[in-house]
Amino acid sequence: MGFRLPGIRKASLPAIQASSKAVDVAKGYLAVYVGDKMKRFIVPVSYLNQPSFQDLLSQSEEEFGYDHPMGGLTIPCREDMFFDIIRLMKC
């Protein structure tokens, strides 16, 4: 059984969307928190298959284990590095 959330349109979500609000994440996406300020980004779950993103997940596991205090995945890297990695995955 599912329900529809007004304002969330899967077709309009970009590959990466910066957000500071705690809103629900559309199916096929996940929330990650990046940088010193723990900025929230919504990324496609397909990124989980990318080796460079898996490296970030390994770093996250080493630093935080499986306890992520923000409720989503916490990625221990600077925002600019995160954007560079995402940019390379799109090539």
PDB file of N, CA and C in Angstrom:
ATOM      1  N   MET A   1       0.846  -1.164   0.000  1.00  0.00           N
ATOM      2  CA  MET A   1       0.000   0.000   0.000  1.00  0.00           C
ATOM      3  C   MET A   1       0.896   1.233   0.000  1.00  0.00           C
ATOM      4  N   GLY A   2       0.586   2.202  -0.814  1.00  0.00           N
ATOM      5  CA  GLY A   2       1.391   3.407  -0.892  1.00  0.00           C
ATOM      6  C   GLY A   2       0.526   4.636  -0.750  1.00  0.00           C
ATOM      7  N   PHE A   3       1.170   5.759  -0.703  1.00  0.00           N
ATOM      8  CA  PHE A   3       0.451   7.016  -0.670  1.00  0.00           C
ATOM      9  C   PHE A   3       1.207   8.028  -1.501  1.00  0.00           C
ATOM     10  N   ARG A   4       0.545   9.052  -1.907  1.00  0.00           N
ATOM     11  CA  ARG A   4       1.113  10.063  -2.778  1.00  0.00           C
ATOM     12  C   ARG A   4       1.422  11.315  -1.971  1.00  0.00           C
ATOM     13  N   LEU A   5       2.616  11.848  -2.151  1.00  0.00           N
ATOM     14  CA  LEU A   5       3.010  13.064  -1.467  1.00  0.00           C
ATOM     15  C   LEU A   5       2.965  14.229  -2.445  1.00  0.00           C
ATOM     16  N   PRO A   6       2.107  15.203  -2.211  1.00  0.00           N
ATOM     17  CA  PRO A   6       2.077  16.352  -3.102  1.00  0.00           C
ATOM     18  C   PRO A   6       3.395  17.109  -3.024  1.00  0.00           C
ATOM     19  N   GLY A   7       3.833  17.621  -4.142  1.00  0.00           N
ATOM     20  CA  GLY A   7       5.070  18.396  -4.174  1.00  0.00           C
ATOM     21  C   GLY A   7       6.294  17.578  -4.523  1.00  0.00           C
ATOM     22  N   ILE A   8       6.193  16.259  -4.484  1.00  0.00           N
ATOM     23  CA  ILE A   8       7.316  15.430  -4.877  1.00  0.00           C
ATOM     24  C   ILE A   8       6.995  14.825  -6.234  1.00  0.00           C
ATOM     25  N   ARG A   9       7.771  15.235  -7.209  1.00  0.00           N
ATOM     26  CA  ARG A   9       7.591  14.721  -8.565  1.00  0.00           C
ATOM     27  C   ARG A   9       8.897  14.102  -8.996  1.00  0.00           C
ATOM     28  N   LYS A  10       8.892  12.807  -9.204  1.00  0.00           N
ATOM     29  CA  LYS A  10      10.110  12.095  -9.552  1.00  0.00           C
ATOM     30  C   LYS A  10      10.738  12.645 -10.822  1.00  0.00           C
ATOM     31  N   ALA A  11       9.949  13.006 -11.777  1.00  0.00           N
ATOM     32  CA  ALA A  11      10.482  13.484 -13.050  1.00  0.00           C
ATOM     33  C   ALA A  11      11.223  14.801 -12.907  1.00  0.00           C
ATOM     34  N   SER A  12      10.904  15.596 -11.906  1.00  0.00           N
ATOM     35  CA  SER A  12      11.534  16.905 -11.785  1.00  0.00           C
ATOM     36  C   SER A  12      12.757  16.902 -10.871  1.00  0.00           C
ATOM     37  N   LEU A  13      13.066  15.781 -10.233  1.00  0.00           N
ATOM     38  CA  LEU A  13      14.223  15.743  -9.350  1.00  0.00           C
ATOM     39  C   LEU A  13      15.505  15.656 -10.171  1.00  0.00           C
ATOM     40  N   PRO A  14      16.449  16.565  -9.952  1.00  0.00           N
ATOM     41  CA  PRO A  14      17.738  16.459 -10.635  1.00  0.00           C
ATOM     42  C   PRO A  14      18.562  15.349 -10.008  1.00  0.00           C
ATOM     43  N   ALA A  15      19.661  14.978 -10.661  1.00  0.00           N
ATOM     44  CA  ALA A  15      20.518  13.911 -10.156  1.00  0.00           C
ATOM     45  C   ALA A  15      21.040  14.229  -8.759  1.00  0.00           C
ATOM     46  N   ILE A  16      21.360  15.475  -8.525  1.00  0.00           N
ATOM     47  CA  ILE A  16      21.766  15.901  -7.187  1.00  0.00           C
ATOM     48  C   ILE A  16      20.953  17.126  -6.844  1.00  0.00           C
ATOM     49  N   GLN A  17      20.360  17.145  -5.672  1.00  0.00           N
ATOM     50  CA  GLN A  17      19.555  18.283  -5.264  1.00  0.00           C
ATOM     51  C   GLN A  17      19.940  18.631  -3.839  1.00  0.00           C
ATOM     52  N   ALA A  18      20.508  19.810  -3.654  1.00  0.00           N
ATOM     53  CA  ALA A  18      20.866  20.258  -2.315  1.00  0.00           C
ATOM     54  C   ALA A  18      19.602  20.699  -1.601  1.00  0.00           C
ATOM     55  N   SER A  19      19.505  20.331  -0.346  1.00  0.00           N
ATOM     56  CA  SER A  19      18.326  20.702   0.420  1.00  0.00           C
ATOM     57  C   SER A  19      18.707  20.831   1.878  1.00  0.00           C
ATOM     58  N   SER A  20      18.184  21.820   2.535  1.00  0.00           N
ATOM     59  CA  SER A  20      18.428  21.945   3.967  1.00  0.00           C
ATOM     60  C   SER A  20      17.207  21.529   4.763  1.00  0.00           C
ATOM     61  N   LYS A  21      16.109  21.193   4.092  1.00  0.00           N
ATOM     62  CA  LYS A  21      14.876  20.798   4.765  1.00  0.00           C
ATOM     63  C   LYS A  21      14.817  19.285   4.900  1.00  0.00           C
ATOM     64  N   ALA A  22      14.223  18.823   5.971  1.00  0.00           N
ATOM     65  CA  ALA A  22      14.038  17.393   6.166  1.00  0.00           C
ATOM     66  C   ALA A  22      12.728  16.996   5.493  1.00  0.00           C
ATOM     67  N   VAL A  23      12.790  16.657   4.226  1.00  0.00           N
ATOM     68  CA  VAL A  23      11.608  16.239   3.487  1.00  0.00           C
ATOM     69  C   VAL A  23      11.782  14.786   3.079  1.00  0.00           C
ATOM     70  N   ASP A  24      10.689  14.156   2.722  1.00  0.00           N
ATOM     71  CA  ASP A  24      10.749  12.773   2.288  1.00  0.00           C
ATOM     72  C   ASP A  24      11.521  12.669   0.983  1.00  0.00           C
ATOM     73  N   VAL A  25      12.092  11.510   0.756  1.00  0.00           N
ATOM     74  CA  VAL A  25      12.897  11.258  -0.426  1.00  0.00           C
ATOM     75  C   VAL A  25      12.086  10.370  -1.366  1.00  0.00           C
ATOM     76  N   ALA A  26      12.036  10.732  -2.635  1.00  0.00           N
ATOM     77  CA  ALA A  26      11.279   9.972  -3.627  1.00  0.00           C
ATOM     78  C   ALA A  26      11.889   8.585  -3.838  1.00  0.00           C
ATOM     79  N   LYS A  27      11.066   7.667  -4.262  1.00  0.00           N
ATOM     80  CA  LYS A  27      11.507   6.313  -4.553  1.00  0.00           C
ATOM     81  C   LYS A  27      12.623   6.368  -5.601  1.00  0.00           C
ATOM     82  N   GLY A  28      13.674   5.593  -5.369  1.00  0.00           N
ATOM     83  CA  GLY A  28      14.792   5.563  -6.295  1.00  0.00           C
ATOM     84  C   GLY A  28      15.907   6.532  -5.940  1.00  0.00           C
ATOM     85  N   TYR A  29      15.742   7.253  -4.830  1.00  0.00           N
ATOM     86  CA  TYR A  29      16.744   8.217  -4.373  1.00  0.00           C
ATOM     87  C   TYR A  29      17.043   7.976  -2.907  1.00  0.00           C
ATOM     88  N   LEU A  30      18.165   8.514  -2.430  1.00  0.00           N
ATOM     89  CA  LEU A  30      18.484   8.426  -1.019  1.00  0.00           C
ATOM     90  C   LEU A  30      19.131   9.727  -0.564  1.00  0.00           C
ATOM     91  N   ALA A  31      19.014   9.989   0.720  1.00  0.00           N
ATOM     92  CA  ALA A  31      19.608  11.191   1.297  1.00  0.00           C
ATOM     93  C   ALA A  31      21.003  10.873   1.797  1.00  0.00           C
ATOM     94  N   VAL A  32      21.948  11.763   1.498  1.00  0.00           N
ATOM     95  CA  VAL A  32      23.296  11.676   2.047  1.00  0.00           C
ATOM     96  C   VAL A  32      23.634  13.035   2.652  1.00  0.00           C
ATOM     97  N   TYR A  33      24.433  13.000   3.697  1.00  0.00           N
ATOM     98  CA  TYR A  33      24.872  14.219   4.375  1.00  0.00           C
ATOM     99  C   TYR A  33      26.368  14.350   4.175  1.00  0.00           C
ATOM    100  N   VAL A  34      26.793  15.531   3.706  1.00  0.00           N
ATOM    101  CA  VAL A  34      28.176  15.717   3.270  1.00  0.00           C
ATOM    102  C   VAL A  34      28.767  16.972   3.890  1.00  0.00           C
ATOM    103  N   GLY A  35      30.048  16.909   4.207  1.00  0.00           N
ATOM    104  CA  GLY A  35      30.797  18.087   4.635  1.00  0.00           C
ATOM    105  C   GLY A  35      30.691  18.382   6.112  1.00  0.00           C
ATOM    106  N   ASP A  36      31.420  19.420   6.510  1.00  0.00           N
ATOM    107  CA  ASP A  36      31.445  19.832   7.916  1.00  0.00           C
ATOM    108  C   ASP A  36      30.082  20.289   8.408  1.00  0.00           C
ATOM    109  N   LYS A  37      29.312  20.901   7.519  1.00  0.00           N
ATOM    110  CA  LYS A  37      27.996  21.412   7.899  1.00  0.00           C
ATOM    111  C   LYS A  37      26.883  20.389   7.689  1.00  0.00           C
ATOM    112  N   MET A  38      27.254  19.173   7.282  1.00  0.00           N
ATOM    113  CA  MET A  38      26.301  18.091   7.049  1.00  0.00           C
ATOM    114  C   MET A  38      25.164  18.527   6.128  1.00  0.00           C
ATOM    115  N   LYS A  39      25.543  19.056   4.975  1.00  0.00           N
ATOM    116  CA  LYS A  39      24.556  19.483   3.994  1.00  0.00           C
ATOM    117  C   LYS A  39      23.900  18.248   3.376  1.00  0.00           C
ATOM    118  N   ARG A  40      22.596  18.301   3.232  1.00  0.00           N
ATOM    119  CA  ARG A  40      21.817  17.154   2.747  1.00  0.00           C
ATOM    120  C   ARG A  40      21.700  17.191   1.227  1.00  0.00           C
ATOM    121  N   PHE A  41      21.993  16.054   0.594  1.00  0.00           N
ATOM    122  CA  PHE A  41      21.855  15.910  -0.845  1.00  0.00           C
ATOM    123  C   PHE A  41      21.003  14.686  -1.139  1.00  0.00           C
ATOM    124  N   ILE A  42      20.235  14.769  -2.201  1.00  0.00           N
ATOM    125  CA  ILE A  42      19.421  13.650  -2.657  1.00  0.00           C
ATOM    126  C   ILE A  42      20.082  13.102  -3.917  1.00  0.00           C
ATOM    127  N   VAL A  43      20.459  11.836  -3.880  1.00  0.00           N
ATOM    128  CA  VAL A  43      21.147  11.219  -5.011  1.00  0.00           C
ATOM    129  C   VAL A  43      20.401   9.961  -5.450  1.00  0.00           C
ATOM    130  N   PRO A  44      20.520   9.591  -6.719  1.00  0.00           N
ATOM    131  CA  PRO A  44      19.880   8.355  -7.193  1.00  0.00           C
ATOM    132  C   PRO A  44      20.521   7.121  -6.548  1.00  0.00           C
ATOM    133  N   VAL A  45      19.726   6.104  -6.267  1.00  0.00           N
ATOM    134  CA  VAL A  45      20.274   4.871  -5.683  1.00  0.00           C
ATOM    135  C   VAL A  45      21.220   4.173  -6.656  1.00  0.00           C
ATOM    136  N   SER A  46      21.136   4.485  -7.935  1.00  0.00           N
ATOM    137  CA  SER A  46      22.049   3.882  -8.916  1.00  0.00           C
ATOM    138  C   SER A  46      23.505   4.236  -8.621  1.00  0.00           C
ATOM    139  N   TYR A  47      23.735   5.330  -7.891  1.00  0.00           N
ATOM    140  CA  TYR A  47      25.101   5.697  -7.516  1.00  0.00           C
ATOM    141  C   TYR A  47      25.737   4.642  -6.616  1.00  0.00           C
ATOM    142  N   LEU A  48      24.926   3.859  -5.921  1.00  0.00           N
ATOM    143  CA  LEU A  48      25.456   2.839  -5.023  1.00  0.00           C
ATOM    144  C   LEU A  48      26.264   1.779  -5.766  1.00  0.00           C
ATOM    145  N   ASN A  49      26.040   1.641  -7.066  1.00  0.00           N
ATOM    146  CA  ASN A  49      26.775   0.663  -7.871  1.00  0.00           C
ATOM    147  C   ASN A  49      28.090   1.200  -8.411  1.00  0.00           C
ATOM    148  N   GLN A  50      28.330   2.488  -8.276  1.00  0.00           N
ATOM    149  CA  GLN A  50      29.528   3.114  -8.823  1.00  0.00           C
ATOM    150  C   GLN A  50      30.716   2.919  -7.873  1.00  0.00           C
ATOM    151  N   PRO A  51      31.871   2.459  -8.390  1.00  0.00           N
ATOM    152  CA  PRO A  51      33.036   2.219  -7.529  1.00  0.00           C
ATOM    153  C   PRO A  51      33.463   3.446  -6.723  1.00  0.00           C
ATOM    154  N   SER A  52      33.413   4.628  -7.321  1.00  0.00           N
ATOM    155  CA  SER A  52      33.839   5.828  -6.587  1.00  0.00           C
ATOM    156  C   SER A  52      32.886   6.136  -5.434  1.00  0.00           C
ATOM    157  N   PHE A  53      31.593   5.888  -5.624  1.00  0.00           N
ATOM    158  CA  PHE A  53      30.630   6.110  -4.542  1.00  0.00           C
ATOM    159  C   PHE A  53      30.797   5.026  -3.474  1.00  0.00           C
ATOM    160  N   GLN A  54      31.119   3.814  -3.893  1.00  0.00           N
ATOM    161  CA  GLN A  54      31.365   2.740  -2.938  1.00  0.00           C
ATOM    162  C   GLN A  54      32.576   3.047  -2.067  1.00  0.00           C
ATOM    163  N   ASP A  55      33.584   3.733  -2.640  1.00  0.00           N
ATOM    164  CA  ASP A  55      34.731   4.170  -1.837  1.00  0.00           C
ATOM    165  C   ASP A  55      34.280   5.137  -0.745  1.00  0.00           C
ATOM    166  N   LEU A  56      33.381   6.062  -1.107  1.00  0.00           N
ATOM    167  CA  LEU A  56      32.849   6.996  -0.110  1.00  0.00           C
ATOM    168  C   LEU A  56      32.092   6.246   0.988  1.00  0.00           C
ATOM    169  N   LEU A  57      31.347   5.230   0.592  1.00  0.00           N
ATOM    170  CA  LEU A  57      30.607   4.436   1.578  1.00  0.00           C
ATOM    171  C   LEU A  57      31.550   3.689   2.517  1.00  0.00           C
ATOM    172  N   SER A  58      32.658   3.204   1.981  1.00  0.00           N
ATOM    173  CA  SER A  58      33.656   2.521   2.823  1.00  0.00           C
ATOM    174  C   SER A  58      34.252   3.486   3.840  1.00  0.00           C
ATOM    175  N   GLN A  59      34.555   4.715   3.389  1.00  0.00           N
ATOM    176  CA  GLN A  59      35.073   5.728   4.311  1.00  0.00           C
ATOM    177  C   GLN A  59      34.048   6.038   5.391  1.00  0.00           C
ATOM    178  N   SER A  60      32.791   6.100   4.987  1.00  0.00           N
ATOM    179  CA  SER A  60      31.711   6.375   5.929  1.00  0.00           C
ATOM    180  C   SER A  60      31.601   5.261   6.966  1.00  0.00           C
ATOM    181  N   GLU A  61      31.706   4.032   6.504  1.00  0.00           N
ATOM    182  CA  GLU A  61      31.634   2.889   7.417  1.00  0.00           C
ATOM    183  C   GLU A  61      32.788   2.917   8.412  1.00  0.00           C
ATOM    184  N   GLU A  62      33.998   3.257   7.925  1.00  0.00           N
ATOM    185  CA  GLU A  62      35.162   3.312   8.815  1.00  0.00           C
ATOM    186  C   GLU A  62      34.994   4.389   9.883  1.00  0.00           C
ATOM    187  N   GLU A  63      34.441   5.533   9.494  1.00  0.00           N
ATOM    188  CA  GLU A  63      34.321   6.643  10.440  1.00  0.00           C
ATOM    189  C   GLU A  63      33.117   6.526  11.357  1.00  0.00           C
ATOM    190  N   PHE A  64      31.977   6.103  10.810  1.00  0.00           N
ATOM    191  CA  PHE A  64      30.732   6.112  11.582  1.00  0.00           C
ATOM    192  C   PHE A  64      30.183   4.725  11.894  1.00  0.00           C
ATOM    193  N   GLY A  65      30.708   3.687  11.273  1.00  0.00           N
ATOM    194  CA  GLY A  65      30.110   2.365  11.415  1.00  0.00           C
ATOM    195  C   GLY A  65      28.747   2.381  10.749  1.00  0.00           C
ATOM    196  N   TYR A  66      27.785   1.763  11.361  1.00  0.00           N
ATOM    197  CA  TYR A  66      26.438   1.753  10.791  1.00  0.00           C
ATOM    198  C   TYR A  66      25.495   2.663  11.565  1.00  0.00           C
ATOM    199  N   ASP A  67      26.047   3.492  12.421  1.00  0.00           N
ATOM    200  CA  ASP A  67      25.253   4.436  13.203  1.00  0.00           C
ATOM    201  C   ASP A  67      25.428   5.823  12.597  1.00  0.00           C
ATOM    202  N   HIS A  68      24.470   6.246  11.797  1.00  0.00           N
ATOM    203  CA  HIS A  68      24.522   7.552  11.147  1.00  0.00           C
ATOM    204  C   HIS A  68      23.573   8.490  11.879  1.00  0.00           C
ATOM    205  N   PRO A  69      24.120   9.423  12.650  1.00  0.00           N
ATOM    206  CA  PRO A  69      23.300  10.274  13.514  1.00  0.00           C
ATOM    207  C   PRO A  69      22.317  11.175  12.767  1.00  0.00           C
ATOM    208  N   MET A  70      22.540  11.433  11.491  1.00  0.00           N
ATOM    209  CA  MET A  70      21.658  12.333  10.748  1.00  0.00           C
ATOM    210  C   MET A  70      20.431  11.617  10.193  1.00  0.00           C
ATOM    211  N   GLY A  71      20.390  10.301  10.292  1.00  0.00           N
ATOM    212  CA  GLY A  71      19.248   9.560   9.779  1.00  0.00           C
ATOM    213  C   GLY A  71      19.428   9.081   8.355  1.00  0.00           C
ATOM    214  N   GLY A  72      20.381   9.629   7.653  1.00  0.00           N
ATOM    215  CA  GLY A  72      20.727   9.201   6.296  1.00  0.00           C
ATOM    216  C   GLY A  72      22.204   8.853   6.295  1.00  0.00           C
ATOM    217  N   LEU A  73      22.718   8.531   5.158  1.00  0.00           N
ATOM    218  CA  LEU A  73      24.143   8.228   5.063  1.00  0.00           C
ATOM    219  C   LEU A  73      24.956   9.498   5.262  1.00  0.00           C
ATOM    220  N   THR A  74      25.961   9.411   6.105  1.00  0.00           N
ATOM    221  CA  THR A  74      26.853  10.541   6.340  1.00  0.00           C
ATOM    222  C   THR A  74      28.161  10.251   5.621  1.00  0.00           C
ATOM    223  N   ILE A  75      28.515  11.126   4.671  1.00  0.00           N
ATOM    224  CA  ILE A  75      29.719  10.948   3.861  1.00  0.00           C
ATOM    225  C   ILE A  75      30.804  11.868   4.416  1.00  0.00           C
ATOM    226  N   PRO A  76      31.922  11.297   4.899  1.00  0.00           N
ATOM    227  CA  PRO A  76      32.964  12.109   5.528  1.00  0.00           C
ATOM    228  C   PRO A  76      33.939  12.703   4.502  1.00  0.00           C
ATOM    229  N   CYS A  77      33.481  13.666   3.721  1.00  0.00           N
ATOM    230  CA  CYS A  77      34.372  14.367   2.803  1.00  0.00           C
ATOM    231  C   CYS A  77      33.852  15.786   2.602  1.00  0.00           C
ATOM    232  N   ARG A  78      34.690  16.627   2.032  1.00  0.00           N
ATOM    233  CA  ARG A  78      34.279  18.005   1.769  1.00  0.00           C
ATOM    234  C   ARG A  78      33.259  18.024   0.634  1.00  0.00           C
ATOM    235  N   GLU A  79      32.417  19.046   0.627  1.00  0.00           N
ATOM    236  CA  GLU A  79      31.387  19.179  -0.414  1.00  0.00           C
ATOM    237  C   GLU A  79      32.001  19.262  -1.809  1.00  0.00           C
ATOM    238  N   ASP A  80      33.098  20.010  -1.958  1.00  0.00           N
ATOM    239  CA  ASP A  80      33.705  20.148  -3.279  1.00  0.00           C
ATOM    240  C   ASP A  80      34.227  18.813  -3.799  1.00  0.00           C
ATOM    241  N   MET A  81      34.778  17.984  -2.899  1.00  0.00           N
ATOM    242  CA  MET A  81      35.235  16.648  -3.304  1.00  0.00           C
ATOM    243  C   MET A  81      34.049  15.787  -3.719  1.00  0.00           C
ATOM    244  N   PHE A  82      32.952  15.884  -2.971  1.00  0.00           N
ATOM    245  CA  PHE A  82      31.748  15.122  -3.289  1.00  0.00           C
ATOM    246  C   PHE A  82      31.241  15.491  -4.682  1.00  0.00           C
ATOM    247  N   PHE A  83      31.195  16.788  -4.989  1.00  0.00           N
ATOM    248  CA  PHE A  83      30.751  17.227  -6.310  1.00  0.00           C
ATOM    249  C   PHE A  83      31.692  16.722  -7.409  1.00  0.00           C
ATOM    250  N   ASP A  84      32.985  16.723  -7.146  1.00  0.00           N
ATOM    251  CA  ASP A  84      33.936  16.213  -8.148  1.00  0.00           C
ATOM    252  C   ASP A  84      33.697  14.745  -8.429  1.00  0.00           C
ATOM    253  N   ILE A  85      33.463  13.970  -7.389  1.00  0.00           N
ATOM    254  CA  ILE A  85      33.216  12.534  -7.556  1.00  0.00           C
ATOM    255  C   ILE A  85      31.923  12.309  -8.338  1.00  0.00           C
ATOM    256  N   ILE A  86      30.877  13.036  -7.982  1.00  0.00           N
ATOM    257  CA  ILE A  86      29.596  12.902  -8.689  1.00  0.00           C
ATOM    258  C   ILE A  86      29.750  13.305 -10.148  1.00  0.00           C
ATOM    259  N   ARG A  87      30.487  14.380 -10.399  1.00  0.00           N
ATOM    260  CA  ARG A  87      30.708  14.849 -11.768  1.00  0.00           C
ATOM    261  C   ARG A  87      31.422  13.774 -12.602  1.00  0.00           C
ATOM    262  N   LEU A  88      32.403  13.115 -12.020  1.00  0.00           N
ATOM    263  CA  LEU A  88      33.125  12.066 -12.722  1.00  0.00           C
ATOM    264  C   LEU A  88      32.234  10.849 -13.009  1.00  0.00           C
ATOM    265  N   MET A  89      31.292  10.571 -12.126  1.00  0.00           N
ATOM    266  CA  MET A  89      30.393   9.433 -12.322  1.00  0.00           C
ATOM    267  C   MET A  89      29.455   9.673 -13.507  1.00  0.00           C
ATOM    268  N   LYS A  90      29.183  10.913 -13.802  1.00  0.00           N
ATOM    269  CA  LYS A  90      28.260  11.233 -14.898  1.00  0.00           C
ATOM    270  C   LYS A  90      28.927  11.116 -16.260  1.00  0.00           C
ATOM    271  N   CYS A  91      30.257  11.060 -16.289  1.00  0.00           N
ATOM    272  CA  CYS A  91      30.962  10.985 -17.583  1.00  0.00           C
ATOM    273  C   CYS A  91      30.879   9.625 -18.201  1.00  0.00           C
TER     274      CYS A  91
END
